[in-house]
Amino acid sequence: MRYYLFARQEYAKPVARQAVIEANDAAGACAQARERFGDWLEVRLVPEESVRWIAGPLPVEQLPEQEREQVAA
């Protein structure tokens, strides 16, 4: 299952998508998120199946470089 991770490190900055996490279940996704972003101020996971796209998603080759690696992993 794929999850979109939204997070921020400071109150002055907006919550923004930071990563895409692949996990077997929500508990696994939470564990990965905590490991990678545990020191961030705010972290949210959104299951891909809960997203209703209006435009998008972008093909992998159009994603920012750092997200390409995360999607491919």
PDB file of N, CA and C in Angstrom:
ATOM      1  N   MET A   1       0.840  -1.159   0.000  1.00  0.00           N
ATOM      2  CA  MET A   1       0.000   0.000   0.000  1.00  0.00           C
ATOM      3  C   MET A   1       0.899   1.242   0.000  1.00  0.00           C
ATOM      4  N   ARG A   2       0.469   2.268  -0.687  1.00  0.00           N
ATOM      5  CA  ARG A   2       1.250   3.502  -0.797  1.00  0.00           C
ATOM      6  C   ARG A   2       0.594   4.603   0.035  1.00  0.00           C
ATOM      7  N   TYR A   3       1.447   5.366   0.733  1.00  0.00           N
ATOM      8  CA  TYR A   3       0.999   6.481   1.565  1.00  0.00           C
ATOM      9  C   TYR A   3       1.764   7.736   1.163  1.00  0.00           C
ATOM     10  N   TYR A   4       1.060   8.857   1.152  1.00  0.00           N
ATOM     11  CA  TYR A   4       1.708  10.151   0.953  1.00  0.00           C
ATOM     12  C   TYR A   4       1.985  10.723   2.335  1.00  0.00           C
ATOM     13  N   LEU A   5       3.201  11.219   2.533  1.00  0.00           N
ATOM     14  CA  LEU A   5       3.587  11.781   3.811  1.00  0.00           C
ATOM     15  C   LEU A   5       3.668  13.296   3.676  1.00  0.00           C
ATOM     16  N   PHE A   6       2.910  13.984   4.509  1.00  0.00           N
ATOM     17  CA  PHE A   6       2.921  15.442   4.558  1.00  0.00           C
ATOM     18  C   PHE A   6       3.507  15.845   5.904  1.00  0.00           C
ATOM     19  N   ALA A   7       4.404  16.839   5.906  1.00  0.00           N
ATOM     20  CA  ALA A   7       5.055  17.218   7.154  1.00  0.00           C
ATOM     21  C   ALA A   7       5.580  18.647   7.083  1.00  0.00           C
ATOM     22  N   ARG A   8       5.941  19.148   8.269  1.00  0.00           N
ATOM     23  CA  ARG A   8       6.629  20.437   8.358  1.00  0.00           C
ATOM     24  C   ARG A   8       7.538  20.410   9.571  1.00  0.00           C
ATOM     25  N   GLN A   9       8.576  21.249   9.515  1.00  0.00           N
ATOM     26  CA  GLN A   9       9.543  21.336  10.601  1.00  0.00           C
ATOM     27  C   GLN A   9       9.356  22.579  11.460  1.00  0.00           C
ATOM     28  N   GLU A  10       8.628  23.576  10.960  1.00  0.00           N
ATOM     29  CA  GLU A  10       8.418  24.825  11.692  1.00  0.00           C
ATOM     30  C   GLU A  10       6.973  25.273  11.533  1.00  0.00           C
ATOM     31  N   TYR A  11       6.440  25.924  12.564  1.00  0.00           N
ATOM     32  CA  TYR A  11       5.074  26.436  12.475  1.00  0.00           C
ATOM     33  C   TYR A  11       4.933  27.464  11.363  1.00  0.00           C
ATOM     34  N   ALA A  12       5.986  28.218  11.087  1.00  0.00           N
ATOM     35  CA  ALA A  12       5.932  29.274  10.068  1.00  0.00           C
ATOM     36  C   ALA A  12       5.858  28.713   8.646  1.00  0.00           C
ATOM     37  N   LYS A  13       6.165  27.435   8.483  1.00  0.00           N
ATOM     38  CA  LYS A  13       6.145  26.812   7.154  1.00  0.00           C
ATOM     39  C   LYS A  13       4.889  25.965   6.997  1.00  0.00           C
ATOM     40  N   PRO A  14       4.397  25.836   5.760  1.00  0.00           N
ATOM     41  CA  PRO A  14       3.191  25.028   5.543  1.00  0.00           C
ATOM     42  C   PRO A  14       3.488  23.526   5.589  1.00  0.00           C
ATOM     43  N   VAL A  15       2.458  22.756   5.868  1.00  0.00           N
ATOM     44  CA  VAL A  15       2.562  21.304   5.746  1.00  0.00           C
ATOM     45  C   VAL A  15       2.633  21.014   4.249  1.00  0.00           C
ATOM     46  N   ALA A  16       3.606  20.213   3.823  1.00  0.00           N
ATOM     47  CA  ALA A  16       3.795  19.919   2.405  1.00  0.00           C
ATOM     48  C   ALA A  16       4.166  18.454   2.233  1.00  0.00           C
ATOM     49  N   ARG A  17       3.922  17.931   1.047  1.00  0.00           N
ATOM     50  CA  ARG A  17       4.278  16.536   0.782  1.00  0.00           C
ATOM     51  C   ARG A  17       5.789  16.400   0.789  1.00  0.00           C
ATOM     52  N   GLN A  18       6.271  15.454   1.561  1.00  0.00           N
ATOM     53  CA  GLN A  18       7.705  15.248   1.727  1.00  0.00           C
ATOM     54  C   GLN A  18       8.172  13.895   1.200  1.00  0.00           C
ATOM     55  N   ALA A  19       7.263  12.934   1.112  1.00  0.00           N
ATOM     56  CA  ALA A  19       7.691  11.589   0.725  1.00  0.00           C
ATOM     57  C   ALA A  19       6.494  10.743   0.316  1.00  0.00           C
ATOM     58  N   VAL A  20       6.815   9.621  -0.307  1.00  0.00           N
ATOM     59  CA  VAL A  20       5.847   8.572  -0.607  1.00  0.00           C
ATOM     60  C   VAL A  20       6.380   7.324   0.085  1.00  0.00           C
ATOM     61  N   ILE A  21       5.557   6.694   0.885  1.00  0.00           N
ATOM     62  CA  ILE A  21       5.975   5.521   1.657  1.00  0.00           C
ATOM     63  C   ILE A  21       5.197   4.299   1.188  1.00  0.00           C
ATOM     64  N   GLU A  22       5.907   3.210   0.948  1.00  0.00           N
ATOM     65  CA  GLU A  22       5.300   1.921   0.599  1.00  0.00           C
ATOM     66  C   GLU A  22       5.363   1.033   1.839  1.00  0.00           C
ATOM     67  N   ALA A  23       4.226   0.488   2.244  1.00  0.00           N
ATOM     68  CA  ALA A  23       4.182  -0.393   3.410  1.00  0.00           C
ATOM     69  C   ALA A  23       3.015  -1.365   3.264  1.00  0.00           C
ATOM     70  N   ASN A  24       3.086  -2.477   3.989  1.00  0.00           N
ATOM     71  CA  ASN A  24       2.016  -3.480   3.941  1.00  0.00           C
ATOM     72  C   ASN A  24       0.743  -3.015   4.631  1.00  0.00           C
ATOM     73  N   ASP A  25       0.894  -2.143   5.637  1.00  0.00           N
ATOM     74  CA  ASP A  25      -0.275  -1.672   6.381  1.00  0.00           C
ATOM     75  C   ASP A  25       0.035  -0.323   7.024  1.00  0.00           C
ATOM     76  N   ALA A  26      -0.968   0.253   7.682  1.00  0.00           N
ATOM     77  CA  ALA A  26      -0.811   1.568   8.299  1.00  0.00           C
ATOM     78  C   ALA A  26       0.257   1.556   9.393  1.00  0.00           C
ATOM     79  N   ALA A  27       0.331   0.477  10.156  1.00  0.00           N
ATOM     80  CA  ALA A  27       1.330   0.394  11.225  1.00  0.00           C
ATOM     81  C   ALA A  27       2.745   0.433  10.650  1.00  0.00           C
ATOM     82  N   GLY A  28       2.954  -0.272   9.548  1.00  0.00           N
ATOM     83  CA  GLY A  28       4.262  -0.256   8.897  1.00  0.00           C
ATOM     84  C   GLY A  28       4.600   1.113   8.337  1.00  0.00           C
ATOM     85  N   ALA A  29       3.608   1.780   7.771  1.00  0.00           N
ATOM     86  CA  ALA A  29       3.818   3.130   7.239  1.00  0.00           C
ATOM     87  C   ALA A  29       4.157   4.095   8.367  1.00  0.00           C
ATOM     88  N   CYS A  30       3.460   3.966   9.489  1.00  0.00           N
ATOM     89  CA  CYS A  30       3.745   4.822  10.648  1.00  0.00           C
ATOM     90  C   CYS A  30       5.165   4.604  11.158  1.00  0.00           C
ATOM     91  N   ALA A  31       5.592   3.355  11.209  1.00  0.00           N
ATOM     92  CA  ALA A  31       6.943   3.052  11.681  1.00  0.00           C
ATOM     93  C   ALA A  31       7.990   3.680  10.768  1.00  0.00           C
ATOM     94  N   GLN A  32       7.798   3.563   9.451  1.00  0.00           N
ATOM     95  CA  GLN A  32       8.740   4.180   8.512  1.00  0.00           C
ATOM     96  C   GLN A  32       8.740   5.696   8.651  1.00  0.00           C
ATOM     97  N   ALA A  33       7.556   6.280   8.772  1.00  0.00           N
ATOM     98  CA  ALA A  33       7.444   7.735   8.911  1.00  0.00           C
ATOM     99  C   ALA A  33       8.140   8.206  10.182  1.00  0.00           C
ATOM    100  N   ARG A  34       7.927   7.488  11.272  1.00  0.00           N
ATOM    101  CA  ARG A  34       8.548   7.862  12.549  1.00  0.00           C
ATOM    102  C   ARG A  34      10.073   7.772  12.453  1.00  0.00           C
ATOM    103  N   GLU A  35      10.561   6.739  11.766  1.00  0.00           N
ATOM    104  CA  GLU A  35      12.004   6.552  11.612  1.00  0.00           C
ATOM    105  C   GLU A  35      12.626   7.692  10.803  1.00  0.00           C
ATOM    106  N   ARG A  36      11.972   8.082   9.727  1.00  0.00           N
ATOM    107  CA  ARG A  36      12.540   9.090   8.818  1.00  0.00           C
ATOM    108  C   ARG A  36      12.218  10.526   9.209  1.00  0.00           C
ATOM    109  N   PHE A  37      11.063  10.758   9.843  1.00  0.00           N
ATOM    110  CA  PHE A  37      10.604  12.122  10.113  1.00  0.00           C
ATOM    111  C   PHE A  37      10.222  12.335  11.581  1.00  0.00           C
ATOM    112  N   GLY A  38      10.684  11.474  12.461  1.00  0.00           N
ATOM    113  CA  GLY A  38      10.290  11.531  13.863  1.00  0.00           C
ATOM    114  C   GLY A  38      10.626  12.813  14.585  1.00  0.00           C
ATOM    115  N   ASP A  39      11.647  13.535  14.118  1.00  0.00           N
ATOM    116  CA  ASP A  39      12.029  14.775  14.789  1.00  0.00           C
ATOM    117  C   ASP A  39      11.352  16.009  14.184  1.00  0.00           C
ATOM    118  N   TRP A  40      10.494  15.812  13.188  1.00  0.00           N
ATOM    119  CA  TRP A  40       9.778  16.934  12.574  1.00  0.00           C
ATOM    120  C   TRP A  40       8.643  17.365  13.495  1.00  0.00           C
ATOM    121  N   LEU A  41       8.185  18.609  13.323  1.00  0.00           N
ATOM    122  CA  LEU A  41       7.135  19.179  14.159  1.00  0.00           C
ATOM    123  C   LEU A  41       5.787  18.494  13.946  1.00  0.00           C
ATOM    124  N   GLU A  42       5.437  18.244  12.691  1.00  0.00           N
ATOM    125  CA  GLU A  42       4.131  17.669  12.356  1.00  0.00           C
ATOM    126  C   GLU A  42       4.288  16.717  11.173  1.00  0.00           C
ATOM    127  N   VAL A  43       3.709  15.531  11.278  1.00  0.00           N
ATOM    128  CA  VAL A  43       3.799  14.519  10.218  1.00  0.00           C
ATOM    129  C   VAL A  43       2.418  13.884  10.051  1.00  0.00           C
ATOM    130  N   ARG A  44       1.970  13.781   8.792  1.00  0.00           N
ATOM    131  CA  ARG A  44       0.670  13.158   8.497  1.00  0.00           C
ATOM    132  C   ARG A  44       0.841  12.149   7.374  1.00  0.00           C
ATOM    133  N   LEU A  45       0.138  11.035   7.473  1.00  0.00           N
ATOM    134  CA  LEU A  45       0.119  10.033   6.412  1.00  0.00           C
ATOM    135  C   LEU A  45      -1.270   9.995   5.789  1.00  0.00           C
ATOM    136  N   VAL A  46      -1.306   9.925   4.466  1.00  0.00           N
ATOM    137  CA  VAL A  46      -2.576   9.833   3.750  1.00  0.00           C
ATOM    138  C   VAL A  46      -2.498   8.625   2.824  1.00  0.00           C
ATOM    139  N   PRO A  47      -3.357   7.614   3.014  1.00  0.00           N
ATOM    140  CA  PRO A  47      -3.350   6.469   2.103  1.00  0.00           C
ATOM    141  C   PRO A  47      -3.676   6.931   0.680  1.00  0.00           C
ATOM    142  N   GLU A  48      -2.940   6.425  -0.286  1.00  0.00           N
ATOM    143  CA  GLU A  48      -3.154   6.816  -1.680  1.00  0.00           C
ATOM    144  C   GLU A  48      -4.609   6.595  -2.095  1.00  0.00           C
ATOM    145  N   GLU A  49      -5.230   5.533  -1.613  1.00  0.00           N
ATOM    146  CA  GLU A  49      -6.612   5.231  -2.007  1.00  0.00           C
ATOM    147  C   GLU A  49      -7.609   6.275  -1.494  1.00  0.00           C
ATOM    148  N   SER A  50      -7.210   7.082  -0.513  1.00  0.00           N
ATOM    149  CA  SER A  50      -8.086   8.132   0.017  1.00  0.00           C
ATOM    150  C   SER A  50      -8.013   9.425  -0.785  1.00  0.00           C
ATOM    151  N   VAL A  51      -7.024   9.531  -1.646  1.00  0.00           N
ATOM    152  CA  VAL A  51      -6.828  10.757  -2.424  1.00  0.00           C
ATOM    153  C   VAL A  51      -7.762  10.762  -3.625  1.00  0.00           C
ATOM    154  N   ARG A  52      -8.418  11.862  -3.850  1.00  0.00           N
ATOM    155  CA  ARG A  52      -9.256  12.057  -5.035  1.00  0.00           C
ATOM    156  C   ARG A  52      -8.562  13.087  -5.907  1.00  0.00           C
ATOM    157  N   TRP A  53      -7.926  12.631  -6.969  1.00  0.00           N
ATOM    158  CA  TRP A  53      -7.146  13.518  -7.829  1.00  0.00           C
ATOM    159  C   TRP A  53      -8.065  14.384  -8.682  1.00  0.00           C
ATOM    160  N   ILE A  54      -7.780  15.654  -8.733  1.00  0.00           N
ATOM    161  CA  ILE A  54      -8.465  16.585  -9.618  1.00  0.00           C
ATOM    162  C   ILE A  54      -7.627  16.733 -10.883  1.00  0.00           C
ATOM    163  N   ALA A  55      -6.343  16.896 -10.695  1.00  0.00           N
ATOM    164  CA  ALA A  55      -5.363  16.905 -11.783  1.00  0.00           C
ATOM    165  C   ALA A  55      -4.162  16.131 -11.261  1.00  0.00           C
ATOM    166  N   GLY A  56      -3.642  15.193 -12.047  1.00  0.00           N
ATOM    167  CA  GLY A  56      -2.484  14.440 -11.588  1.00  0.00           C
ATOM    168  C   GLY A  56      -2.878  12.997 -11.334  1.00  0.00           C
ATOM    169  N   PRO A  57      -2.091  12.189 -10.705  1.00  0.00           N
ATOM    170  CA  PRO A  57      -0.753  12.504 -10.234  1.00  0.00           C
ATOM    171  C   PRO A  57       0.249  12.584 -11.372  1.00  0.00           C
ATOM    172  N   LEU A  58       1.392  13.167 -11.090  1.00  0.00           N
ATOM    173  CA  LEU A  58       2.428  13.286 -12.107  1.00  0.00           C
ATOM    174  C   LEU A  58       3.071  11.932 -12.380  1.00  0.00           C
ATOM    175  N   PRO A  59       3.452  11.690 -13.637  1.00  0.00           N
ATOM    176  CA  PRO A  59       4.247  10.495 -13.933  1.00  0.00           C
ATOM    177  C   PRO A  59       5.594  10.601 -13.210  1.00  0.00           C
ATOM    178  N   VAL A  60       6.203   9.474 -12.897  1.00  0.00           N
ATOM    179  CA  VAL A  60       7.458   9.457 -12.147  1.00  0.00           C
ATOM    180  C   VAL A  60       8.499  10.376 -12.772  1.00  0.00           C
ATOM    181  N   GLU A  61       8.625  10.398 -14.092  1.00  0.00           N
ATOM    182  CA  GLU A  61       9.662  11.217 -14.733  1.00  0.00           C
ATOM    183  C   GLU A  61       9.428  12.720 -14.568  1.00  0.00           C
ATOM    184  N   GLN A  62       8.245  13.139 -14.138  1.00  0.00           N
ATOM    185  CA  GLN A  62       7.963  14.560 -13.917  1.00  0.00           C
ATOM    186  C   GLN A  62       8.008  14.954 -12.440  1.00  0.00           C
ATOM    187  N   LEU A  63       8.209  13.988 -11.565  1.00  0.00           N
ATOM    188  CA  LEU A  63       8.313  14.285 -10.140  1.00  0.00           C
ATOM    189  C   LEU A  63       9.649  14.955  -9.838  1.00  0.00           C
ATOM    190  N   PRO A  64       9.729  15.742  -8.751  1.00  0.00           N
ATOM    191  CA  PRO A  64      11.027  16.263  -8.322  1.00  0.00           C
ATOM    192  C   PRO A  64      11.992  15.107  -8.079  1.00  0.00           C
ATOM    193  N   GLU A  65      13.262  15.348  -8.312  1.00  0.00           N
ATOM    194  CA  GLU A  65      14.297  14.307  -8.233  1.00  0.00           C
ATOM    195  C   GLU A  65      14.217  13.488  -6.939  1.00  0.00           C
ATOM    196  N   GLN A  66      14.088  14.134  -5.785  1.00  0.00           N
ATOM    197  CA  GLN A  66      14.083  13.400  -4.508  1.00  0.00           C
ATOM    198  C   GLN A  66      12.886  12.468  -4.387  1.00  0.00           C
ATOM    199  N   GLU A  67      11.763  12.810  -5.006  1.00  0.00           N
ATOM    200  CA  GLU A  67      10.584  11.948  -4.923  1.00  0.00           C
ATOM    201  C   GLU A  67      10.656  10.788  -5.901  1.00  0.00           C
ATOM    202  N   ARG A  68      11.387  10.930  -6.988  1.00  0.00           N
ATOM    203  CA  ARG A  68      11.520   9.826  -7.952  1.00  0.00           C
ATOM    204  C   ARG A  68      12.105   8.604  -7.271  1.00  0.00           C
ATOM    205  N   GLU A  69      13.158   8.819  -6.488  1.00  0.00           N
ATOM    206  CA  GLU A  69      13.813   7.711  -5.805  1.00  0.00           C
ATOM    207  C   GLU A  69      12.869   7.066  -4.800  1.00  0.00           C
ATOM    208  N   GLN A  70      12.074   7.869  -4.106  1.00  0.00           N
ATOM    209  CA  GLN A  70      11.181   7.345  -3.086  1.00  0.00           C
ATOM    210  C   GLN A  70      10.057   6.524  -3.698  1.00  0.00           C
ATOM    211  N   VAL A  71       9.552   6.936  -4.856  1.00  0.00           N
ATOM    212  CA  VAL A  71       8.478   6.196  -5.516  1.00  0.00           C
ATOM    213  C   VAL A  71       9.011   4.884  -6.070  1.00  0.00           C
ATOM    214  N   ALA A  72      10.232   4.913  -6.602  1.00  0.00           N
ATOM    215  CA  ALA A  72      10.825   3.721  -7.199  1.00  0.00           C
ATOM    216  C   ALA A  72      11.215   2.691  -6.142  1.00  0.00           C
ATOM    217  N   ALA A  73      11.460   3.136  -4.920  1.00  0.00           N
ATOM    218  CA  ALA A  73      11.927   2.230  -3.857  1.00  0.00           C
ATOM    219  C   ALA A  73      10.843   1.292  -3.400  1.00  0.00           C
TER     220      ALA A  73
END
